[in-house]
Amino acid sequence: QRIPCQLIIFGEGPETGSYIQLAKSLHMESNVSFP
């Protein structure tokens, strides 16, 4: 909200799906990456 930037969370696990959904619910799909 204050500084345009991007977040990359490397790794995988049982919570990956919930993290992706959380980022979508906060309208941050274009700013958060789960590679």
All heavy atoms as atom14 arrays in JSON, in Angstrom:
{
  "sequence": "QRIPCQLIIFGEGPETGSYIQLAKSLHMESNVSFP",
  "atom14_mask": [
    [1, 1, 1, 1, 1, 1, 1, 1, 1, 0, 0, 0, 0, 0],
    [1, 1, 1, 1, 1, 1, 1, 1, 1, 1, 1, 0, 0, 0],
    [1, 1, 1, 1, 1, 1, 1, 1, 0, 0, 0, 0, 0, 0],
    [1, 1, 1, 1, 1, 1, 1, 0, 0, 0, 0, 0, 0, 0],
    [1, 1, 1, 1, 1, 1, 0, 0, 0, 0, 0, 0, 0, 0],
    [1, 1, 1, 1, 1, 1, 1, 1, 1, 0, 0, 0, 0, 0],
    [1, 1, 1, 1, 1, 1, 1, 1, 0, 0, 0, 0, 0, 0],
    [1, 1, 1, 1, 1, 1, 1, 1, 0, 0, 0, 0, 0, 0],
    [1, 1, 1, 1, 1, 1, 1, 1, 0, 0, 0, 0, 0, 0],
    [1, 1, 1, 1, 1, 1, 1, 1, 1, 1, 1, 0, 0, 0],
    [1, 1, 1, 1, 0, 0, 0, 0, 0, 0, 0, 0, 0, 0],
    [1, 1, 1, 1, 1, 1, 1, 1, 1, 0, 0, 0, 0, 0],
    [1, 1, 1, 1, 0, 0, 0, 0, 0, 0, 0, 0, 0, 0],
    [1, 1, 1, 1, 1, 1, 1, 0, 0, 0, 0, 0, 0, 0],
    [1, 1, 1, 1, 1, 1, 1, 1, 1, 0, 0, 0, 0, 0],
    [1, 1, 1, 1, 1, 1, 1, 0, 0, 0, 0, 0, 0, 0],
    [1, 1, 1, 1, 0, 0, 0, 0, 0, 0, 0, 0, 0, 0],
    [1, 1, 1, 1, 1, 1, 0, 0, 0, 0, 0, 0, 0, 0],
    [1, 1, 1, 1, 1, 1, 1, 1, 1, 1, 1, 1, 0, 0],
    [1, 1, 1, 1, 1, 1, 1, 1, 0, 0, 0, 0, 0, 0],
    [1, 1, 1, 1, 1, 1, 1, 1, 1, 0, 0, 0, 0, 0],
    [1, 1, 1, 1, 1, 1, 1, 1, 0, 0, 0, 0, 0, 0],
    [1, 1, 1, 1, 1, 0, 0, 0, 0, 0, 0, 0, 0, 0],
    [1, 1, 1, 1, 1, 1, 1, 1, 1, 0, 0, 0, 0, 0],
    [1, 1, 1, 1, 1, 1, 0, 0, 0, 0, 0, 0, 0, 0],
    [1, 1, 1, 1, 1, 1, 1, 1, 0, 0, 0, 0, 0, 0],
    [1, 1, 1, 1, 1, 1, 1, 1, 1, 1, 0, 0, 0, 0],
    [1, 1, 1, 1, 1, 1, 1, 1, 0, 0, 0, 0, 0, 0],
    [1, 1, 1, 1, 1, 1, 1, 1, 1, 0, 0, 0, 0, 0],
    [1, 1, 1, 1, 1, 1, 0, 0, 0, 0, 0, 0, 0, 0],
    [1, 1, 1, 1, 1, 1, 1, 1, 0, 0, 0, 0, 0, 0],
    [1, 1, 1, 1, 1, 1, 1, 0, 0, 0, 0, 0, 0, 0],
    [1, 1, 1, 1, 1, 1, 0, 0, 0, 0, 0, 0, 0, 0],
    [1, 1, 1, 1, 1, 1, 1, 1, 1, 1, 1, 0, 0, 0],
    [1, 1, 1, 1, 1, 1, 1, 0, 0, 0, 0, 0, 0, 0]
  ],
  "atom14_positions": [
    [[0.83, -1.2, 0.0], [0.0, 0.0, 0.0], [0.86, 1.25, 0.0], [0.42, 2.32, -0.42], [-0.91, 0.0, 1.23], [-1.99, -1.09, 1.2], [-2.82, -1.1, 2.46], [-2.83, -0.14, 3.24], [-3.54, -2.2, 2.69], [0.0, 0.0, 0.0], [0.0, 0.0, 0.0], [0.0, 0.0, 0.0], [0.0, 0.0, 0.0], [0.0, 0.0, 0.0]],
    [[2.11, 1.12, 0.47], [3.02, 2.26, 0.55], [4.19, 2.17, -0.43], [4.68, 3.17, -0.92], [3.56, 2.38, 1.99], [2.47, 2.58, 3.02], [3.04, 2.7, 4.41], [3.99, 3.81, 4.51], [4.68, 4.08, 5.63], [4.54, 3.32, 6.69], [5.5, 5.1, 5.64], [0.0, 0.0, 0.0], [0.0, 0.0, 0.0], [0.0, 0.0, 0.0]],
    [[4.66, 0.92, -0.67], [5.85, 0.74, -1.5], [5.57, -0.32, -2.56], [5.35, -1.49, -2.22], [7.06, 0.28, -0.66], [7.33, 1.25, 0.49], [8.31, 0.13, -1.54], [8.35, 0.74, 1.49], [0.0, 0.0, 0.0], [0.0, 0.0, 0.0], [0.0, 0.0, 0.0], [0.0, 0.0, 0.0], [0.0, 0.0, 0.0], [0.0, 0.0, 0.0]],
    [[5.52, 0.01, -3.82], [5.36, -1.01, -4.86], [6.53, -2.0, -4.82], [7.7, -1.6, -4.9], [5.37, -0.21, -6.16], [5.01, 1.19, -5.75], [5.6, 1.37, -4.38], [0.0, 0.0, 0.0], [0.0, 0.0, 0.0], [0.0, 0.0, 0.0], [0.0, 0.0, 0.0], [0.0, 0.0, 0.0], [0.0, 0.0, 0.0], [0.0, 0.0, 0.0]],
    [[6.24, -3.28, -4.67], [7.28, -4.29, -4.61], [6.65, -5.67, -4.89], [5.45, -5.78, -5.13], [8.0, -4.28, -3.26], [6.92, -4.47, -1.83], [0.0, 0.0, 0.0], [0.0, 0.0, 0.0], [0.0, 0.0, 0.0], [0.0, 0.0, 0.0], [0.0, 0.0, 0.0], [0.0, 0.0, 0.0], [0.0, 0.0, 0.0], [0.0, 0.0, 0.0]],
    [[7.5, -6.71, -4.87], [7.06, -8.06, -5.18], [7.58, -9.03, -4.13], [8.64, -8.81, -3.53], [7.56, -8.46, -6.57], [6.96, -7.61, -7.69], [7.67, -7.78, -9.01], [8.9, -7.77, -9.08], [6.91, -7.94, -10.09], [0.0, 0.0, 0.0], [0.0, 0.0, 0.0], [0.0, 0.0, 0.0], [0.0, 0.0, 0.0], [0.0, 0.0, 0.0]],
    [[6.81, -10.11, -3.93], [7.16, -11.13, -2.94], [7.23, -12.49, -3.61], [6.29, -12.91, -4.28], [6.11, -11.16, -1.81], [6.2, -12.31, -0.8], [7.5, -12.23, 0.01], [4.99, -12.3, 0.13], [0.0, 0.0, 0.0], [0.0, 0.0, 0.0], [0.0, 0.0, 0.0], [0.0, 0.0, 0.0], [0.0, 0.0, 0.0], [0.0, 0.0, 0.0]],
    [[8.37, -13.19, -3.42], [8.54, -14.56, -3.91], [8.68, -15.48, -2.7], [9.55, -15.25, -1.85], [9.78, -14.7, -4.81], [9.74, -13.7, -5.97], [9.91, -16.13, -5.33], [11.05, -13.64, -6.77], [0.0, 0.0, 0.0], [0.0, 0.0, 0.0], [0.0, 0.0, 0.0], [0.0, 0.0, 0.0], [0.0, 0.0, 0.0], [0.0, 0.0, 0.0]],
    [[7.84, -16.5, -2.63], [7.95, -17.5, -1.55], [8.32, -18.83, -2.19], [7.47, -19.53, -2.73], [6.65, -17.61, -0.74], [6.25, -16.24, -0.17], [6.82, -18.63, 0.39], [4.98, -16.26, 0.67], [0.0, 0.0, 0.0], [0.0, 0.0, 0.0], [0.0, 0.0, 0.0], [0.0, 0.0, 0.0], [0.0, 0.0, 0.0], [0.0, 0.0, 0.0]],
    [[9.61, -19.17, -2.14], [10.07, -20.45, -2.66], [9.66, -21.58, -1.71], [9.46, -21.37, -0.51], [11.59, -20.46, -2.82], [12.09, -19.63, -3.97], [12.66, -18.37, -3.74], [12.0, -20.09, -5.28], [13.13, -17.6, -4.8], [12.46, -19.33, -6.34], [13.02, -18.09, -6.11], [0.0, 0.0, 0.0], [0.0, 0.0, 0.0], [0.0, 0.0, 0.0]],
    [[9.58, -22.79, -2.25], [9.24, -23.95, -1.44], [7.9, -24.53, -1.81], [7.23, -24.06, -2.74], [0.0, 0.0, 0.0], [0.0, 0.0, 0.0], [0.0, 0.0, 0.0], [0.0, 0.0, 0.0], [0.0, 0.0, 0.0], [0.0, 0.0, 0.0], [0.0, 0.0, 0.0], [0.0, 0.0, 0.0], [0.0, 0.0, 0.0], [0.0, 0.0, 0.0]],
    [[7.5, -25.55, -1.07], [6.24, -26.22, -1.32], [5.8, -26.94, -0.05], [6.57, -27.07, 0.9], [6.4, -27.23, -2.47], [7.5, -28.26, -2.22], [7.82, -29.09, -3.45], [7.47, -28.67, -4.56], [8.42, -30.16, -3.28], [0.0, 0.0, 0.0], [0.0, 0.0, 0.0], [0.0, 0.0, 0.0], [0.0, 0.0, 0.0], [0.0, 0.0, 0.0]],
    [[4.55, -27.38, -0.03], [4.06, -28.08, 1.15], [2.55, -28.07, 1.21], [1.87, -27.57, 0.31], [0.0, 0.0, 0.0], [0.0, 0.0, 0.0], [0.0, 0.0, 0.0], [0.0, 0.0, 0.0], [0.0, 0.0, 0.0], [0.0, 0.0, 0.0], [0.0, 0.0, 0.0], [0.0, 0.0, 0.0], [0.0, 0.0, 0.0], [0.0, 0.0, 0.0]],
    [[1.99, -28.6, 2.3], [0.53, -28.74, 2.4], [-0.23, -27.42, 2.44], [-1.43, -27.39, 2.16], [0.34, -29.52, 3.72], [1.61, -29.32, 4.48], [2.68, -29.2, 3.46], [0.0, 0.0, 0.0], [0.0, 0.0, 0.0], [0.0, 0.0, 0.0], [0.0, 0.0, 0.0], [0.0, 0.0, 0.0], [0.0, 0.0, 0.0], [0.0, 0.0, 0.0]],
    [[0.45, -26.32, 2.77], [-0.24, -25.03, 2.86], [-0.14, -24.2, 1.59], [-0.67, -23.08, 1.54], [0.34, -24.22, 4.04], [0.15, -24.87, 5.4], [-1.32, -25.03, 5.76], [-2.1, -24.09, 5.53], [-1.69, -26.11, 6.26], [0.0, 0.0, 0.0], [0.0, 0.0, 0.0], [0.0, 0.0, 0.0], [0.0, 0.0, 0.0], [0.0, 0.0, 0.0]],
    [[0.53, -24.71, 0.55], [0.72, -23.91, -0.67], [-0.6, -23.4, -1.22], [-0.75, -22.22, -1.55], [1.45, -24.73, -1.74], [2.72, -25.16, -1.22], [1.7, -23.88, -2.98], [0.0, 0.0, 0.0], [0.0, 0.0, 0.0], [0.0, 0.0, 0.0], [0.0, 0.0, 0.0], [0.0, 0.0, 0.0], [0.0, 0.0, 0.0], [0.0, 0.0, 0.0]],
    [[-1.59, -24.28, -1.32], [-2.9, -23.89, -1.87], [-3.56, -22.79, -1.06], [-4.12, -21.83, -1.63], [0.0, 0.0, 0.0], [0.0, 0.0, 0.0], [0.0, 0.0, 0.0], [0.0, 0.0, 0.0], [0.0, 0.0, 0.0], [0.0, 0.0, 0.0], [0.0, 0.0, 0.0], [0.0, 0.0, 0.0], [0.0, 0.0, 0.0], [0.0, 0.0, 0.0]],
    [[-3.49, -22.88, 0.26], [-4.13, -21.86, 1.1], [-3.39, -20.53, 0.98], [-4.01, -19.46, 1.05], [-4.17, -22.31, 2.56], [-2.88, -22.43, 3.11], [0.0, 0.0, 0.0], [0.0, 0.0, 0.0], [0.0, 0.0, 0.0], [0.0, 0.0, 0.0], [0.0, 0.0, 0.0], [0.0, 0.0, 0.0], [0.0, 0.0, 0.0], [0.0, 0.0, 0.0]],
    [[-2.07, -20.57, 0.78], [-1.3, -19.33, 0.61], [-1.69, -18.65, -0.71], [-1.83, -17.42, -0.77], [0.21, -19.6, 0.62], [0.75, -20.11, 1.92], [1.92, -20.86, 1.96], [0.11, -19.85, 3.13], [2.44, -21.33, 3.15], [0.62, -20.32, 4.33], [1.79, -21.07, 4.33], [2.31, -21.54, 5.51], [0.0, 0.0, 0.0], [0.0, 0.0, 0.0]],
    [[-1.86, -19.44, -1.75], [-2.26, -18.88, -3.05], [-3.65, -18.24, -2.93], [-3.88, -17.13, -3.44], [-2.25, -19.98, -4.13], [-0.81, -20.44, -4.4], [-2.91, -19.49, -5.42], [-0.71, -21.66, -5.3], [0.0, 0.0, 0.0], [0.0, 0.0, 0.0], [0.0, 0.0, 0.0], [0.0, 0.0, 0.0], [0.0, 0.0, 0.0], [0.0, 0.0, 0.0]],
    [[-4.56, -18.92, -2.26], [-5.91, -18.38, -2.07], [-5.88, -17.1, -1.23], [-6.64, -16.15, -1.5], [-6.81, -19.43, -1.42], [-7.18, -20.59, -2.33], [-7.88, -20.12, -3.6], [-8.77, -19.26, -3.56], [-7.47, -20.67, -4.73], [0.0, 0.0, 0.0], [0.0, 0.0, 0.0], [0.0, 0.0, 0.0], [0.0, 0.0, 0.0], [0.0, 0.0, 0.0]],
    [[-5.02, -17.08, -0.22], [-4.91, -15.88, 0.62], [-4.42, -14.69, -0.2], [-4.96, -13.58, -0.1], [-3.95, -16.15, 1.78], [-3.65, -14.97, 2.72], [-4.94, -14.44, 3.37], [-2.64, -15.38, 3.79], [0.0, 0.0, 0.0], [0.0, 0.0, 0.0], [0.0, 0.0, 0.0], [0.0, 0.0, 0.0], [0.0, 0.0, 0.0], [0.0, 0.0, 0.0]],
    [[-3.41, -14.92, -1.04], [-2.91, -13.84, -1.89], [-4.0, -13.35, -2.84], [-4.14, -12.14, -3.07], [-1.69, -14.33, -2.67], [0.0, 0.0, 0.0], [0.0, 0.0, 0.0], [0.0, 0.0, 0.0], [0.0, 0.0, 0.0], [0.0, 0.0, 0.0], [0.0, 0.0, 0.0], [0.0, 0.0, 0.0], [0.0, 0.0, 0.0], [0.0, 0.0, 0.0]],
    [[-4.8, -14.27, -3.39], [-5.9, -13.88, -4.28], [-6.95, -13.07, -3.53], [-7.47, -12.07, -4.06], [-6.54, -15.13, -4.89], [-5.71, -15.79, -5.99], [-6.46, -16.98, -6.59], [-5.66, -17.61, -7.72], [-6.36, -18.79, -8.28], [0.0, 0.0, 0.0], [0.0, 0.0, 0.0], [0.0, 0.0, 0.0], [0.0, 0.0, 0.0], [0.0, 0.0, 0.0]],
    [[-7.28, -13.5, -2.31], [-8.31, -12.79, -1.53], [-7.88, -11.38, -1.19], [-8.72, -10.5, -0.97], [-8.62, -13.57, -0.24], [-7.53, -13.51, 0.67], [0.0, 0.0, 0.0], [0.0, 0.0, 0.0], [0.0, 0.0, 0.0], [0.0, 0.0, 0.0], [0.0, 0.0, 0.0], [0.0, 0.0, 0.0], [0.0, 0.0, 0.0], [0.0, 0.0, 0.0]],
    [[-6.56, -11.15, -1.15], [-6.03, -9.81, -0.87], [-5.69, -9.06, -2.16], [-5.05, -8.0, -2.1], [-4.78, -9.93, 0.02], [-5.04, -10.52, 1.42], [-3.72, -10.82, 2.13], [-5.88, -9.55, 2.26], [0.0, 0.0, 0.0], [0.0, 0.0, 0.0], [0.0, 0.0, 0.0], [0.0, 0.0, 0.0], [0.0, 0.0, 0.0], [0.0, 0.0, 0.0]],
    [[-6.09, -9.64, -3.3], [-5.9, -9.03, -4.63], [-4.42, -8.76, -4.93], [-4.05, -7.69, -5.41], [-6.72, -7.72, -4.73], [-8.16, -7.89, -4.34], [-9.05, -8.62, -5.09], [-8.85, -7.46, -3.24], [-10.24, -8.61, -4.49], [-10.15, -7.92, -3.37], [0.0, 0.0, 0.0], [0.0, 0.0, 0.0], [0.0, 0.0, 0.0], [0.0, 0.0, 0.0]],
    [[-3.59, -9.76, -4.61], [-2.15, -9.59, -4.81], [-1.57, -10.64, -5.76], [-0.36, -10.91, -5.72], [-1.43, -9.67, -3.45], [-1.8, -8.59, -2.47], [-0.66, -8.5, -1.07], [-0.78, -10.17, -0.41], [0.0, 0.0, 0.0], [0.0, 0.0, 0.0], [0.0, 0.0, 0.0], [0.0, 0.0, 0.0], [0.0, 0.0, 0.0], [0.0, 0.0, 0.0]],
    [[-2.39, -11.23, -6.62], [-1.89, -12.28, -7.51], [-0.7, -11.82, -8.34], [0.22, -12.6, -8.62], [-2.99, -12.76, -8.47], [-4.21, -13.35, -7.78], [-5.34, -12.34, -7.67], [-5.06, -11.17, -7.28], [-6.48, -12.71, -7.99], [0.0, 0.0, 0.0], [0.0, 0.0, 0.0], [0.0, 0.0, 0.0], [0.0, 0.0, 0.0], [0.0, 0.0, 0.0]],
    [[-0.71, -10.55, -8.73], [0.36, -10.06, -9.6], [1.6, -9.63, -8.82], [2.63, -9.31, -9.43], [-0.14, -8.87, -10.44], [-0.55, -7.8, -9.6], [0.0, 0.0, 0.0], [0.0, 0.0, 0.0], [0.0, 0.0, 0.0], [0.0, 0.0, 0.0], [0.0, 0.0, 0.0], [0.0, 0.0, 0.0], [0.0, 0.0, 0.0], [0.0, 0.0, 0.0]],
    [[1.52, -9.65, -7.51], [2.65, -9.21, -6.69], [3.27, -10.32, -5.85], [4.33, -10.13, -5.25], [2.23, -8.08, -5.74], [1.87, -6.81, -6.47], [0.75, -6.65, -6.92], [2.84, -5.91, -6.6], [0.0, 0.0, 0.0], [0.0, 0.0, 0.0], [0.0, 0.0, 0.0], [0.0, 0.0, 0.0], [0.0, 0.0, 0.0], [0.0, 0.0, 0.0]],
    [[2.62, -11.49, -5.76], [3.14, -12.61, -4.96], [3.31, -13.82, -5.87], [2.4, -14.18, -6.62], [2.21, -12.97, -3.79], [2.83, -14.08, -2.94], [1.94, -11.74, -2.93], [0.0, 0.0, 0.0], [0.0, 0.0, 0.0], [0.0, 0.0, 0.0], [0.0, 0.0, 0.0], [0.0, 0.0, 0.0], [0.0, 0.0, 0.0], [0.0, 0.0, 0.0]],
    [[4.49, -14.46, -5.82], [4.79, -15.6, -6.67], [5.14, -16.82, -5.82], [5.84, -16.71, -4.81], [5.96, -15.27, -7.6], [6.39, -16.4, -8.32], [0.0, 0.0, 0.0], [0.0, 0.0, 0.0], [0.0, 0.0, 0.0], [0.0, 0.0, 0.0], [0.0, 0.0, 0.0], [0.0, 0.0, 0.0], [0.0, 0.0, 0.0], [0.0, 0.0, 0.0]],
    [[4.64, -17.99, -6.24], [4.94, -19.26, -5.58], [5.57, -20.2, -6.61], [4.89, -21.04, -7.19], [3.66, -19.88, -5.01], [2.96, -19.01, -4.0], [1.95, -18.14, -4.4], [3.3, -19.07, -2.66], [1.3, -17.33, -3.48], [2.65, -18.27, -1.73], [1.65, -17.39, -2.13], [0.0, 0.0, 0.0], [0.0, 0.0, 0.0], [0.0, 0.0, 0.0]],
    [[6.86, -20.06, -6.89], [7.49, -20.82, -7.97], [7.85, -22.26, -7.61], [8.37, -22.98, -8.46], [8.76, -20.01, -8.26], [9.09, -19.37, -6.94], [7.78, -19.09, -6.27], [0.0, 0.0, 0.0], [0.0, 0.0, 0.0], [0.0, 0.0, 0.0], [0.0, 0.0, 0.0], [0.0, 0.0, 0.0], [0.0, 0.0, 0.0], [0.0, 0.0, 0.0]]
  ]
}
